[in-house]
């Protein structure tokens, strides 16, 4: 990657010096299970990387600061950042990419957000069989819940969040009477299913419905 350097040795050394002298108010450490990359607002240059980047991507800190974000992150991630941050300060959750690192396949969960004049990108390895890291997805829905101001809006966001996290075709919220008969007061479902909103079910049917996954 060093053959495609965009910056002089002096510029790289200056960037490394900035990494070492960040003020106390800027976090100087991250959790070791992931890596952090800071880009400029226009996504044209790498401003800062975490010291453990080589252990994950096989690229040294020095090399990381000498190449374009597109080369460091890959075309798919770079394109997703450009598209996802056009009208939002945070990349939509759930992005997982695959790339080869030192001959081995690696799946990474990607999270990104704007911070001042920079874009902070977080990459975290995804274990085999795991779709994505839960934390960023849950946090995204929690932010939406905070902005709701009616019971109906809370329930709508709740069923959408549960379906997004679990991958089920439908999620429901029932309101029960004293005999455990239920009425569907909120739902989220895919386009293949018809709505069950406001349908009433006797207590004997509730268990069948929930266990069938509909």
Protein backbone atom coordinates (compact mmCIF):
# COMPACT_ATOMS: atom_id res chain seq x y z
CA UNK A 1 0.00 0.00 0.00
CA UNK A 2 2.98 2.28 0.45
CA UNK A 3 3.40 2.62 -3.35
CA UNK A 4 0.19 4.67 -3.50
CA UNK A 5 1.17 7.21 -0.83
CA UNK A 6 -0.72 10.48 -0.98
CA UNK A 7 1.37 12.38 1.55
CA UNK A 8 5.03 13.17 2.11
CA UNK A 9 7.04 11.64 4.94
CA UNK A 10 6.93 15.00 6.73
CA UNK A 11 3.13 15.15 6.52
CA UNK A 12 2.82 11.59 7.83
CA UNK A 13 5.17 12.30 10.73
CA UNK A 14 3.14 15.42 11.56
CA UNK A 15 -0.07 13.37 11.59
CA UNK A 16 1.55 10.81 13.88
CA UNK A 17 2.64 13.62 16.21
CA UNK A 18 -0.96 14.87 16.38
CA UNK A 19 -2.09 11.37 17.35
CA UNK A 20 0.36 11.46 20.25
CA UNK A 21 -0.62 14.91 21.49
CA UNK A 22 -4.43 14.86 21.42
CA UNK A 23 -5.86 16.87 24.36
CA UNK A 24 -7.29 15.03 27.35
CA UNK A 25 -10.89 15.83 26.37
CA UNK A 26 -10.48 13.61 23.28
CA UNK A 27 -10.48 9.90 24.17
CA UNK A 28 -6.99 8.49 23.78
CA UNK A 29 -7.93 4.83 23.96
CA UNK A 30 -10.60 2.48 22.66
CA UNK A 31 -11.81 -0.98 23.52
CA UNK A 32 -9.30 -3.50 22.10
CA UNK A 33 -11.89 -5.63 20.26
CA UNK A 34 -12.25 -3.07 17.47
CA UNK A 35 -10.42 -0.32 15.62
CA UNK A 36 -11.12 3.35 15.07
CA UNK A 37 -10.35 5.48 12.01
CA UNK A 38 -10.92 9.23 11.79
CA UNK A 39 -11.44 10.79 8.36
CA UNK A 40 -11.93 14.37 7.24
CA UNK A 41 -15.50 15.54 6.67
CA UNK A 42 -15.21 15.10 2.90
CA UNK A 43 -13.91 11.52 3.27
CA UNK A 44 -10.79 12.30 1.28
CA UNK A 45 -7.99 11.67 3.78
CA UNK A 46 -7.17 9.59 6.85
CA UNK A 47 -6.50 11.83 9.84
CA UNK A 48 -6.06 9.34 12.65
CA UNK A 49 -6.15 5.59 13.33
CA UNK A 50 -6.02 3.50 16.46
CA UNK A 51 -2.69 1.87 17.30
CA UNK A 52 -4.11 -1.66 16.92
CA UNK A 53 -5.07 -1.29 13.26
CA UNK A 54 -2.28 -3.58 12.05
CA UNK A 55 -3.54 -6.47 14.18
CA UNK A 56 -6.91 -6.29 12.40
CA UNK A 57 -6.22 -5.04 8.88
CA UNK A 58 -2.57 -5.99 8.46
CA UNK A 59 -1.64 -2.36 7.77
CA UNK A 60 0.65 -0.32 10.00
CA UNK A 61 -0.30 3.05 11.43
CA UNK A 62 2.28 4.67 9.15
CA UNK A 63 0.85 2.98 6.05
CA UNK A 64 -2.73 3.76 7.09
CA UNK A 65 -1.99 7.47 7.21
CA UNK A 66 -0.35 7.40 3.79
CA UNK A 67 -3.23 6.06 1.69
CA UNK A 68 -6.70 7.23 0.75
CA UNK A 69 -9.77 6.24 2.82
CA UNK A 70 -11.02 4.28 -0.17
CA UNK A 71 -7.90 2.12 -0.20
CA UNK A 72 -7.83 1.69 3.57
CA UNK A 73 -11.52 0.90 4.07
CA UNK A 74 -12.36 -0.64 0.71
CA UNK A 75 -14.65 0.67 -2.03
CA UNK A 76 -17.86 -0.71 -0.50
CA UNK A 77 -17.35 0.93 2.88
CA UNK A 78 -16.23 4.20 1.34
CA UNK A 79 -19.31 4.27 -0.91
CA UNK A 80 -21.57 3.41 2.04
CA UNK A 81 -20.11 6.31 4.01
CA UNK A 82 -20.68 8.74 1.17
CA UNK A 83 -24.26 7.61 0.63
CA UNK A 84 -25.22 7.04 4.27
CA UNK A 85 -23.91 10.35 5.59
CA UNK A 86 -25.48 12.59 2.96
CA UNK A 87 -28.59 13.41 5.01
CA UNK A 88 -27.59 11.99 8.36
CA UNK A 89 -24.81 12.39 10.92
CA UNK A 90 -24.69 8.65 11.51
CA UNK A 91 -24.37 5.64 9.22
CA UNK A 92 -27.44 3.37 9.32
CA UNK A 93 -26.79 0.34 11.57
CA UNK A 94 -26.19 -3.21 10.47
CA UNK A 95 -23.51 -2.76 7.78
CA UNK A 96 -21.22 -5.79 7.64
CA UNK A 97 -18.47 -6.16 5.04
CA UNK A 98 -16.07 -8.95 4.17
CA UNK A 99 -12.47 -8.51 3.21
CA UNK A 100 -9.33 -10.58 2.99
CA UNK A 101 -6.57 -9.80 5.46
CA UNK A 102 -3.28 -11.65 5.11
CA UNK A 103 -4.95 -14.46 3.20
CA UNK A 104 -7.81 -14.91 5.66
CA UNK A 105 -11.45 -13.86 5.26
CA UNK A 106 -12.57 -11.30 7.83
CA UNK A 107 -16.07 -9.94 8.40
CA UNK A 108 -16.33 -6.49 9.96
CA UNK A 109 -19.24 -4.56 11.39
CA UNK A 110 -19.01 -0.91 10.35
CA UNK A 111 -20.31 2.02 12.38
CA UNK A 112 -19.67 5.67 11.52
CA UNK A 113 -20.76 9.11 12.64
CA UNK A 114 -19.86 12.75 12.12
CA UNK A 115 -17.96 14.48 14.92
CA UNK A 116 -17.18 18.13 14.34
CA UNK A 117 -15.28 18.37 11.07
CA UNK A 118 -14.42 14.68 11.04
CA UNK A 119 -16.05 11.34 10.37
CA UNK A 120 -15.31 8.63 12.93
CA UNK A 121 -15.39 5.06 11.62
CA UNK A 122 -15.47 2.07 13.96
CA UNK A 123 -14.72 -1.44 12.70
CA UNK A 124 -15.36 -4.54 14.77
CA UNK A 125 -14.83 -8.19 13.76
CA UNK A 126 -18.01 -10.24 13.50
CA UNK A 127 -17.89 -13.80 14.73
CA UNK A 128 -18.95 -16.55 12.27
CA UNK A 129 -22.73 -16.94 12.25
CA UNK A 130 -23.33 -13.46 13.66
CA UNK A 131 -25.12 -10.93 11.46
CA UNK A 132 -23.83 -7.82 13.20
CA UNK A 133 -22.92 -6.35 16.56
CA UNK A 134 -26.06 -5.75 18.59
CA UNK A 135 -24.99 -2.64 20.46
CA UNK A 136 -25.02 -0.13 17.60
CA UNK A 137 -28.35 -1.44 16.30
CA UNK A 138 -30.00 -1.27 19.72
CA UNK A 139 -28.61 2.22 20.31
CA UNK A 140 -30.05 3.39 17.00
CA UNK A 141 -33.54 2.29 18.00
CA UNK A 142 -33.13 3.73 21.50
CA UNK A 143 -32.41 7.13 19.97
CA UNK A 144 -35.62 6.90 17.98
CA UNK A 145 -37.57 5.90 21.08
CA UNK A 146 -36.30 8.96 22.93
CA UNK A 147 -37.78 11.16 20.21
CA UNK A 148 -41.28 9.62 20.41
CA UNK A 149 -43.98 11.48 22.33
CA UNK A 150 -47.06 9.27 22.16
CA UNK A 151 -47.85 5.74 23.27
CA UNK A 152 -48.65 4.71 19.69
CA UNK A 153 -45.30 6.02 18.45
CA UNK A 154 -43.45 4.17 21.21
CA UNK A 155 -45.18 0.90 20.33
CA UNK A 156 -44.56 1.36 16.61
CA UNK A 157 -40.86 1.92 17.18
CA UNK A 158 -40.72 -1.01 19.60
CA UNK A 159 -42.13 -3.57 17.16
CA UNK A 160 -39.94 -2.20 14.35
CA UNK A 161 -36.86 -2.53 16.56
CA UNK A 162 -37.64 -6.08 17.63
CA UNK A 163 -38.28 -7.20 14.05
CA UNK A 164 -35.09 -5.51 12.86
CA UNK A 165 -32.98 -7.19 15.55
CA UNK A 166 -34.56 -10.65 15.38
CA UNK A 167 -35.20 -10.86 11.64
CA UNK A 168 -38.73 -12.20 12.16
CA UNK A 169 -41.38 -11.66 9.48
CA UNK A 170 -43.75 -10.08 12.01
CA UNK A 171 -43.67 -8.73 15.54
CA UNK A 172 -46.78 -7.89 17.58
CA UNK A 173 -47.76 -6.11 20.77
CA UNK A 174 -50.93 -7.34 22.48
CA UNK A 175 -53.03 -5.53 25.05
CA UNK A 176 -54.68 -8.07 27.36
CA UNK A 177 -57.84 -7.91 29.38
CA UNK A 178 -58.33 -9.53 32.79
CA UNK A 179 -58.91 -12.92 31.15
CA UNK A 180 -55.81 -12.73 28.93
CA UNK A 181 -57.77 -12.19 25.75
CA UNK A 182 -55.65 -9.97 23.54
CA UNK A 183 -55.95 -7.22 20.97
CA UNK A 184 -53.09 -6.36 18.62
CA UNK A 185 -52.22 -2.72 19.31
CA UNK A 186 -48.97 -2.50 17.31
CA UNK A 187 -47.21 -4.55 14.67
CA UNK A 188 -44.39 -4.59 12.17
CA UNK A 189 -44.48 -7.03 9.26
CA UNK A 190 -43.00 -7.62 5.83
CA UNK A 191 -44.84 -6.92 2.59
CA UNK A 192 -45.96 -10.55 2.15
CA UNK A 193 -48.11 -10.60 5.29
CA UNK A 194 -51.47 -8.94 5.80
CA UNK A 195 -52.06 -6.71 8.80
CA UNK A 196 -53.32 -8.08 12.12
CA UNK A 197 -53.58 -4.65 13.73
CA UNK A 198 -56.65 -4.31 16.02
CA UNK A 199 -57.51 -8.00 15.61
CA UNK A 200 -58.85 -9.69 18.75
CA UNK A 201 -57.75 -13.14 19.91
CA UNK A 202 -58.99 -15.31 22.77
CA UNK A 203 -56.47 -16.28 25.40
CA UNK A 204 -56.30 -19.82 24.00
CA UNK A 205 -55.02 -18.50 20.65
CA UNK A 206 -52.28 -16.19 21.92
CA UNK A 207 -49.77 -18.96 22.61
CA UNK A 208 -50.34 -20.50 19.16
CA UNK A 209 -49.79 -17.16 17.45
CA UNK A 210 -46.58 -16.30 19.30
CA UNK A 211 -45.06 -19.77 18.98
CA UNK A 212 -45.73 -19.88 15.23
CA UNK A 213 -43.56 -16.81 14.71
CA UNK A 214 -46.19 -14.77 12.91
